[in-house]
Structures are given as structure tokens and as C-alpha cells.
Amino acid sequence: MIPPCENCRVEVWNSTVICFITTLKDCASAEVSKPIRGYYGFWNSYGDFKVDGSAFNLTLHDTNVTLGAFLNSYYSSLRIVGVEDIGGVGLWGSSLSISNCSLQVLSCQGGSTVEAEDCVFEWLHLEGENNVSTARSRVDWLFINDYRGDLLFDSTLINEISLQSKVEAHVSGSVRFGENASIPETDPDKGILTRTFEVQTQGDERMLPGVRLTLYDEGGDAVWSGETGREGTADFNVSFCKWWQLDEPYKYVNNWHEVWRLEAVKGDSSYNASVNILSETPIIFTFPTATDQPLWAYRWLISGFSASVIVVTMAVLLMRKLGQR
């Protein structure tokens, strides 16, 4: 047990911690690195241990946490590296950098920032105004309630998702949703979720620029069009929400569950992909290259090459004959 203090530094080396419960408040930084393993029963550390001050630094070196490892962070900066089986982390107005970790619970509430790499979250709870980015990570259950902020994903898998009231979120990056992920029927006050859908067009060996893209809604109306740039990429936004229709038949319109169609056209080739709120991104279109052309194209190519050989051969023979004169 470490008593509350205004300025302190704590290091634990090669030890066994039976129960580790702490709350960080108004701290400059805290770091937890490379415990061997932990076990967690129930996540709640309110009032158990508080540190008030401007310079608190916590480091665990090769330490075995046998009962619990969970942190609450108030208006602090927290870094966690290489920790398995963390019971839970709660953030209020704090920043968290976390990598190579597995957590049962990460709860972000009010003015927090999270940057996660190579992590596994059993439950990621987002509430209030926060910004979260994950890379090469897995989220078993993403729970979003009264959330306002950006969600930036990079090679992230989300197995299940739950959207509650008053969501105002922007989702971008590369993300894949599990087979059991679904959006339940929502009420008008569920808010708005905007997704940026990145599109990649490619041949067998390179990215393909200049592909025409058109997005059609469920009614068949074109709602967006563009084309891929030099790198063979483009993106578009779709806002999913319910809104009151201002003309007849004057009713709520809901596109949370609509499935739209994205068409990609290059020359005589065209492809289609379905687009909905849980579509995987990036959306990738692969177009045939020269090796995939039909047989008649090869016949024309061979005929042209043969004709060129004949012309060159005749010219060489003629020049030799003139030289002999």
C-alpha cells in the first residue's frame, strides 16, 4: 500500500502483487510495463487509492499480478506496454497510449484520447467526447453510448457492436466487423454515425487510377460519384441516421439498415459492391490486366507481331539485294 502523495515515483521489480488497485488523478504520467500475467475479478477501484499531484510515475518491471490489475485515470497521461489480462482501465479527461496488451475493460468517458496498437479488448466502452484510434487490434464488443468523437481504425476487427442514444461519431480507416455484428432497430434519438468508406482499385500487380465510381441508394438514385486518383484510391462519406422527411408522406426516414450499391467502371469492365453501415473497408475492386484478356485479343496481338516480322524480313532482304548490285 502506497499512501497518497503530491509528488511520487513508484517502481516494482521482480515481485508478486496480490492485488493492484489504483486511481490516478491530475498526474503528468504513469507507466505500466511488462507484468508477467494478471487475473481480474470485478472492475471497480473508486476511492481505493488516490494520488493527487503533478508528477506521479508508476512502473512495473517483470512483475506478476495475481489478483487484479486495473487503473482509473483522472486528467492524467497513462502508458501501458506489454501487459496481459488487465482487468480494466477507466479514463476521465485522460490520454492513454497502449500497445501489445489484452484488457477485459477499457472505459473512456469525457475528454479522453486513446491510441492503441496490437491490443485485444474484450469490452471497449465509449461515452462522452473522446477520440480513439486502434491499429492491428481486436475489439470483442464495442459499446457506444452518448458518444461524440472520432474513431480511427487501422486493420481492426470488431466482433460485436452496440449503439445507444445520442451518438455523434465519425468512423474511418480499415475495419472489419464480425459475422455476428449487427445494428438493432433504432429510435429517432439514436443520433448520427458517419462512415468514411475508402475504395481501392487495382490490377493484378499495381494500383489502378482513373476508375469511375458511382454510389446508388436503395432507390437506384446516384448519390455520389468520383474516380480513383494516382494511387488508385478514393473515399466517400455516408451518414447513417433517422430524420424527419420535410415533404410528403412526412415521416421519419431511416437509413441505418439500408444496403447501397457502389459501381466501379474502367473501360469495358464494371464491378459492383454492397455498402452498408457495417461494410468492411477498404472496399477493393480488382480489374483484369493484360494477362486476363480474352483469346481473340491474343490472336490480334500475335497477328500484328507476325506482320511486323514479315515486313522487317522483307526490308532486310531487299537491302541485301541492292547491296549486291
Protein backbone atom coordinates (compact mmCIF):
# COMPACT_ATOMS: atom_id res chain seq x y z
CA MET A 1 0.00 0.00 0.00
CA ILE A 2 1.41 3.34 -1.09
CA PRO A 3 -0.11 6.34 0.70
CA PRO A 4 -1.44 9.32 -1.27
CA CYS A 5 1.20 11.88 -2.09
CA GLU A 6 1.65 15.05 -4.10
CA ASN A 7 4.78 14.02 -6.00
CA CYS A 8 5.99 10.45 -6.07
CA ARG A 9 7.62 7.78 -8.14
CA VAL A 10 6.87 4.09 -7.69
CA GLU A 11 8.80 1.18 -9.16
CA VAL A 12 8.21 -2.51 -8.52
CA TRP A 13 10.86 -5.05 -9.56
CA ASN A 14 10.60 -8.86 -9.90
CA SER A 15 7.75 -9.15 -7.42
CA THR A 16 4.34 -10.64 -6.92
CA VAL A 17 1.49 -8.18 -6.45
CA ILE A 18 -1.51 -9.85 -4.83
CA CYS A 19 -3.90 -7.03 -5.65
CA PHE A 20 -3.14 -3.89 -7.59
CA ILE A 21 -5.87 -1.21 -7.47
CA THR A 22 -5.15 2.43 -8.05
CA THR A 23 -6.69 5.70 -9.10
CA LEU A 24 -4.57 8.37 -10.75
CA LYS A 25 -5.69 11.98 -10.52
CA ASP A 26 -4.18 15.08 -12.14
CA CYS A 27 -0.99 13.19 -12.98
CA ALA A 28 1.67 14.04 -15.50
CA SER A 29 2.37 10.44 -16.45
CA ALA A 30 2.09 6.84 -15.38
CA GLU A 31 3.57 3.76 -16.98
CA VAL A 32 2.93 0.06 -16.55
CA SER A 33 5.33 -2.18 -18.48
CA LYS A 34 5.65 -5.93 -18.93
CA PRO A 35 3.98 -7.68 -15.99
CA ILE A 36 4.07 -11.45 -16.49
CA ARG A 37 0.36 -12.12 -16.07
CA GLY A 38 -2.71 -10.86 -14.22
CA TYR A 39 -6.16 -12.01 -13.19
CA TYR A 40 -9.25 -9.86 -12.73
CA GLY A 41 -12.50 -10.42 -10.88
CA PHE A 42 -14.62 -7.24 -10.81
CA TRP A 43 -13.70 -3.80 -12.10
CA ASN A 44 -14.20 -1.02 -9.57
CA SER A 45 -11.45 0.99 -7.93
CA TYR A 46 -13.24 4.14 -6.78
CA GLY A 47 -11.58 5.58 -3.69
CA ASP A 48 -9.26 2.64 -3.12
CA PHE A 49 -6.07 4.51 -3.82
CA LYS A 50 -5.67 8.11 -4.95
CA VAL A 51 -2.62 10.08 -5.85
CA ASP A 52 -3.07 13.83 -6.15
CA GLY A 53 -0.17 15.69 -7.68
CA SER A 54 1.59 16.80 -10.82
CA ALA A 55 4.32 14.18 -11.08
CA PHE A 56 3.33 10.58 -10.47
CA ASN A 57 5.23 7.85 -12.27
CA LEU A 58 4.43 4.16 -11.85
CA THR A 59 6.43 1.36 -13.44
CA LEU A 60 6.13 -2.42 -13.00
CA HIS A 61 9.14 -4.44 -14.18
CA ASP A 62 8.64 -8.18 -14.79
CA THR A 63 6.03 -8.31 -12.05
CA ASN A 64 3.38 -10.98 -11.59
CA VAL A 65 -0.05 -9.54 -10.75
CA THR A 66 -2.06 -12.44 -9.30
CA LEU A 67 -5.40 -10.92 -8.33
CA GLY A 68 -6.08 -7.69 -10.12
CA ALA A 69 -4.59 -5.05 -12.34
CA PHE A 70 -6.91 -2.15 -13.03
CA LEU A 71 -6.48 1.60 -13.18
CA ASN A 72 -8.68 4.66 -13.07
CA SER A 73 -7.15 7.77 -14.59
CA TYR A 74 -8.46 11.29 -13.99
CA TYR A 75 -6.94 14.09 -16.13
CA SER A 76 -3.68 12.19 -16.47
CA SER A 77 -1.39 10.68 -19.08
CA LEU A 78 -1.09 6.90 -18.97
CA ARG A 79 1.10 4.49 -20.96
CA ILE A 80 0.77 0.71 -20.82
CA VAL A 81 3.07 -1.63 -22.74
CA GLY A 82 3.17 -5.42 -22.98
CA VAL A 83 0.65 -6.29 -20.25
CA GLU A 84 -1.62 -9.35 -20.46
CA ASP A 85 -5.01 -9.82 -18.81
CA ILE A 86 -5.52 -6.29 -17.48
CA GLY A 87 -8.77 -6.19 -15.56
CA GLY A 88 -9.79 -2.71 -16.62
CA VAL A 89 -8.76 0.85 -17.35
CA GLY A 90 -11.10 3.80 -16.82
CA LEU A 91 -10.35 7.21 -18.34
CA TRP A 92 -11.80 10.59 -17.45
CA GLY A 93 -10.22 13.51 -19.29
CA SER A 94 -7.04 11.48 -19.75
CA SER A 95 -4.79 10.24 -22.53
CA LEU A 96 -3.83 6.59 -22.93
CA SER A 97 -1.13 5.08 -25.11
CA ILE A 98 -1.37 1.30 -25.02
CA SER A 99 0.35 -1.42 -27.05
CA ASN A 100 0.77 -5.21 -27.00
CA CYS A 101 -1.84 -5.60 -24.27
CA SER A 102 -5.05 -7.51 -23.56
CA LEU A 103 -7.83 -5.92 -21.47
CA GLN A 104 -11.16 -7.03 -20.16
CA VAL A 105 -12.49 -3.46 -19.99
CA LEU A 106 -11.44 -0.11 -21.40
CA SER A 107 -13.91 2.63 -20.49
CA CYS A 108 -13.47 6.14 -21.93
CA GLN A 109 -15.70 8.85 -20.50
CA GLY A 110 -15.35 12.55 -21.15
CA GLY A 111 -12.48 14.27 -22.90
CA SER A 112 -10.12 11.32 -23.29
CA THR A 113 -7.77 10.23 -26.06
CA VAL A 114 -6.73 6.64 -26.76
CA GLU A 115 -4.03 5.35 -29.09
CA ALA A 116 -3.88 1.53 -29.17
CA GLU A 117 -1.68 -0.82 -31.16
CA ASP A 118 -1.64 -4.62 -31.25
CA CYS A 119 -4.24 -4.94 -28.45
CA VAL A 120 -7.21 -7.13 -27.62
CA PHE A 121 -10.22 -5.52 -25.88
CA GLU A 122 -12.99 -7.73 -24.55
CA TRP A 123 -15.17 -4.68 -23.94
CA LEU A 124 -14.48 -1.16 -25.27
CA HIS A 125 -16.90 1.34 -23.74
CA LEU A 126 -17.08 4.85 -25.24
CA GLU A 127 -19.15 7.58 -23.65
CA GLY A 128 -18.87 11.37 -23.81
CA GLU A 129 -16.49 13.29 -26.05
CA ASN A 130 -13.43 11.18 -26.86
CA ASN A 131 -11.09 10.37 -29.75
CA VAL A 132 -9.97 6.77 -30.21
CA SER A 133 -7.59 5.14 -32.68
CA THR A 134 -6.67 1.46 -32.90
CA ALA A 135 -4.19 -0.39 -35.12
CA ARG A 136 -3.85 -4.14 -35.65
CA SER A 137 -6.27 -4.75 -32.79
CA ARG A 138 -9.40 -6.73 -31.93
CA VAL A 139 -12.49 -5.50 -30.10
CA ASP A 140 -14.88 -8.24 -28.99
CA TRP A 141 -17.64 -5.82 -28.00
CA LEU A 142 -17.75 -2.13 -28.89
CA PHE A 143 -20.29 -0.31 -26.72
CA ILE A 144 -21.06 3.30 -27.76
CA ASN A 145 -23.38 5.47 -25.69
CA ASP A 146 -23.90 9.25 -25.85
CA TYR A 147 -20.60 9.39 -27.71
CA ARG A 148 -19.17 12.33 -29.65
CA GLY A 149 -15.84 11.98 -31.39
CA ASP A 150 -13.69 10.28 -33.99
CA LEU A 151 -12.96 6.56 -34.30
CA LEU A 152 -9.93 5.84 -36.49
CA PHE A 153 -9.27 2.18 -37.22
CA ASP A 154 -6.31 0.50 -38.89
CA SER A 155 -6.58 -3.24 -39.53
CA THR A 156 -9.06 -3.63 -36.66
CA LEU A 157 -11.63 -6.38 -36.13
CA ILE A 158 -14.86 -5.59 -34.23
CA ASN A 159 -16.83 -8.73 -33.38
CA GLU A 160 -19.94 -7.09 -31.91
CA ILE A 161 -21.20 -3.52 -31.68
CA SER A 162 -23.89 -1.80 -29.62
CA LEU A 163 -25.07 1.75 -30.38
CA GLN A 164 -27.05 3.56 -27.71
CA SER A 165 -28.61 7.04 -27.62
CA LYS A 166 -27.25 10.38 -28.87
CA VAL A 167 -24.33 9.08 -30.88
CA GLU A 168 -22.43 11.63 -32.98
CA ALA A 169 -19.44 9.69 -34.27
CA HIS A 170 -17.18 9.65 -37.32
CA VAL A 171 -15.68 6.27 -38.24
CA SER A 172 -12.81 5.97 -40.71
CA GLY A 173 -9.88 3.73 -41.61
CA SER A 174 -9.66 -0.01 -42.29
CA VAL A 175 -12.07 -2.04 -40.19
CA ARG A 176 -13.82 -5.41 -40.41
CA PHE A 177 -16.93 -6.46 -38.48
CA GLY A 178 -17.56 -9.99 -37.24
CA GLU A 179 -20.26 -12.28 -38.59
CA ASN A 180 -22.46 -11.68 -35.53
CA ALA A 181 -22.17 -7.89 -35.61
CA SER A 182 -25.46 -6.11 -36.28
CA ILE A 183 -27.20 -2.81 -35.68
CA PRO A 184 -30.57 -3.28 -33.94
CA GLU A 185 -33.62 -1.26 -34.87
CA THR A 186 -33.01 2.28 -33.65
CA ASP A 187 -35.17 5.13 -32.43
CA PRO A 188 -35.05 8.68 -33.84
CA ASP A 189 -32.86 9.88 -30.94
CA LYS A 190 -30.01 7.44 -31.65
CA GLY A 191 -28.05 10.23 -33.28
CA ILE A 192 -25.83 10.06 -36.34
CA LEU A 193 -22.87 7.90 -37.33
CA THR A 194 -20.82 8.98 -40.33
CA ARG A 195 -18.54 6.48 -42.03
CA THR A 196 -15.74 7.30 -44.44
CA PHE A 197 -15.52 4.45 -46.94
CA GLU A 198 -12.12 4.11 -48.60
CA VAL A 199 -12.03 2.48 -52.03
CA GLN A 200 -9.03 0.82 -53.69
CA THR A 201 -8.89 -0.18 -57.35
CA GLN A 202 -6.13 -2.41 -58.64
CA GLY A 203 -4.94 -4.72 -61.34
CA ASP A 204 -3.15 -7.93 -60.52
CA GLU A 205 0.16 -6.19 -59.88
CA ARG A 206 -0.47 -2.48 -59.36
CA MET A 207 -2.98 0.08 -58.17
CA LEU A 208 -5.30 1.30 -60.93
CA PRO A 209 -6.06 5.06 -61.27
CA GLY A 210 -8.91 6.62 -63.23
CA VAL A 211 -11.63 4.14 -62.26
CA ARG A 212 -15.10 5.76 -62.30
CA LEU A 213 -17.09 5.20 -59.11
CA THR A 214 -20.81 5.77 -58.57
CA LEU A 215 -22.78 5.16 -55.36
CA TYR A 216 -26.50 4.35 -55.69
CA ASP A 217 -29.01 4.32 -52.83
CA GLU A 218 -31.67 1.66 -52.36
CA GLY A 219 -33.98 3.55 -54.73
CA GLY A 220 -31.41 3.39 -57.53
CA ASP A 221 -30.57 7.11 -57.39
CA ALA A 222 -26.94 8.15 -57.77
CA VAL A 223 -25.90 9.95 -54.56
CA TRP A 224 -22.14 10.24 -55.14
CA SER A 225 -19.67 9.87 -57.99
CA GLY A 226 -15.93 10.25 -58.41
CA GLU A 227 -12.86 8.41 -59.63
CA THR A 228 -9.70 6.97 -58.16
CA GLY A 229 -6.56 9.10 -58.16
CA ARG A 230 -2.94 8.31 -59.00
CA GLU A 231 -2.65 5.83 -56.13
CA GLY A 232 -5.82 4.02 -57.15
CA THR A 233 -7.79 5.23 -54.11
CA ALA A 234 -10.85 7.33 -53.40
CA ASP A 235 -13.23 7.80 -50.47
CA PHE A 236 -16.75 8.96 -49.74
CA ASN A 237 -18.87 9.61 -46.64
CA VAL A 238 -22.26 8.19 -45.72
CA SER A 239 -24.18 9.45 -42.66
CA PHE A 240 -26.44 6.87 -41.03
CA CYS A 241 -29.30 8.32 -39.00
CA LYS A 242 -33.04 8.88 -38.76
CA TRP A 243 -34.52 12.20 -39.84
CA TRP A 244 -37.92 13.75 -40.36
CA GLN A 245 -38.92 13.99 -44.01
CA LEU A 246 -39.95 17.56 -44.89
CA ASP A 247 -42.26 16.61 -47.75
CA GLU A 248 -44.97 14.03 -48.22
CA PRO A 249 -45.51 11.49 -46.76
CA TYR A 250 -43.99 13.39 -43.74
CA LYS A 251 -42.42 10.57 -41.76
CA TYR A 252 -39.18 9.51 -40.19
CA VAL A 253 -36.68 8.18 -42.71
CA ASN A 254 -34.19 5.60 -41.51
CA ASN A 255 -31.09 4.51 -43.44
CA TRP A 256 -29.39 2.61 -40.60
CA HIS A 257 -30.13 -0.70 -42.32
CA GLU A 258 -30.09 0.29 -45.98
CA VAL A 259 -27.81 -1.52 -48.40
CA TRP A 260 -26.45 0.68 -51.18
CA ARG A 261 -24.54 -0.23 -54.35
CA LEU A 262 -21.11 1.02 -55.38
CA GLU A 263 -20.26 0.63 -59.07
CA ALA A 264 -16.69 0.74 -60.42
CA VAL A 265 -16.11 1.14 -64.18
CA LYS A 266 -12.86 1.01 -66.17
CA GLY A 267 -13.11 0.66 -69.94
CA ASP A 268 -15.45 -2.23 -70.73
CA SER A 269 -15.14 -3.74 -67.25
CA SER A 270 -17.51 -2.92 -64.39
CA TYR A 271 -17.94 -4.32 -60.88
CA ASN A 272 -20.36 -3.76 -58.01
CA ALA A 273 -20.06 -3.91 -54.22
CA SER A 274 -22.67 -3.62 -51.46
CA VAL A 275 -22.30 -0.76 -48.99
CA ASN A 276 -23.93 -0.64 -45.55
CA ILE A 277 -23.09 0.62 -42.10
CA LEU A 278 -21.02 -2.49 -41.29
CA SER A 279 -19.20 -2.88 -44.62
CA GLU A 280 -15.53 -3.80 -44.47
CA THR A 281 -13.10 -1.11 -45.52
CA PRO A 282 -11.26 -0.56 -47.70
CA ILE A 283 -13.62 -1.68 -50.48
CA ILE A 284 -11.34 -3.31 -53.06
CA PHE A 285 -12.04 -3.75 -56.78
CA THR A 286 -9.63 -5.90 -58.82
CA PHE A 287 -9.68 -5.37 -62.59
CA PRO A 288 -8.18 -7.75 -65.17
CA THR A 289 -4.76 -6.93 -66.59
CA ALA A 290 -3.34 -7.85 -70.00
CA THR A 291 -2.81 -11.45 -68.86
CA ASP A 292 -6.54 -11.75 -68.30
CA GLN A 293 -7.62 -10.61 -71.80
CA PRO A 294 -9.77 -12.96 -73.95
CA LEU A 295 -8.25 -15.24 -76.56
CA TRP A 296 -9.23 -13.02 -79.52
CA ALA A 297 -7.08 -10.25 -78.07
CA TYR A 298 -4.05 -12.54 -78.13
CA ARG A 299 -4.82 -13.53 -81.76
CA TRP A 300 -4.82 -9.90 -82.83
CA LEU A 301 -1.58 -9.31 -80.91
CA ILE A 302 0.11 -12.36 -82.48
CA SER A 303 -1.11 -11.40 -85.97
CA GLY A 304 0.24 -7.89 -85.59
CA PHE A 305 3.59 -9.16 -84.35
CA SER A 306 3.85 -11.67 -87.22
CA ALA A 307 3.09 -8.97 -89.81
CA SER A 308 5.80 -6.76 -88.34
CA VAL A 309 8.34 -9.61 -88.56
CA ILE A 310 7.48 -10.22 -92.21
CA VAL A 311 7.87 -6.53 -93.11
CA VAL A 312 11.25 -6.30 -91.36
CA THR A 313 12.49 -9.52 -93.02
CA MET A 314 11.48 -8.30 -96.49
CA ALA A 315 13.22 -4.99 -95.91
CA VAL A 316 16.46 -6.72 -94.88
CA LEU A 317 16.43 -9.00 -97.96
CA LEU A 318 15.77 -6.02 -100.24
CA MET A 319 18.67 -4.08 -98.77
CA ARG A 320 21.00 -7.09 -99.24
CA LYS A 321 19.92 -7.45 -102.87
CA LEU A 322 20.54 -3.78 -103.59
CA GLY A 323 23.94 -4.05 -101.91
CA GLN A 324 24.96 -6.89 -104.24
CA ARG A 325 24.39 -4.68 -107.28
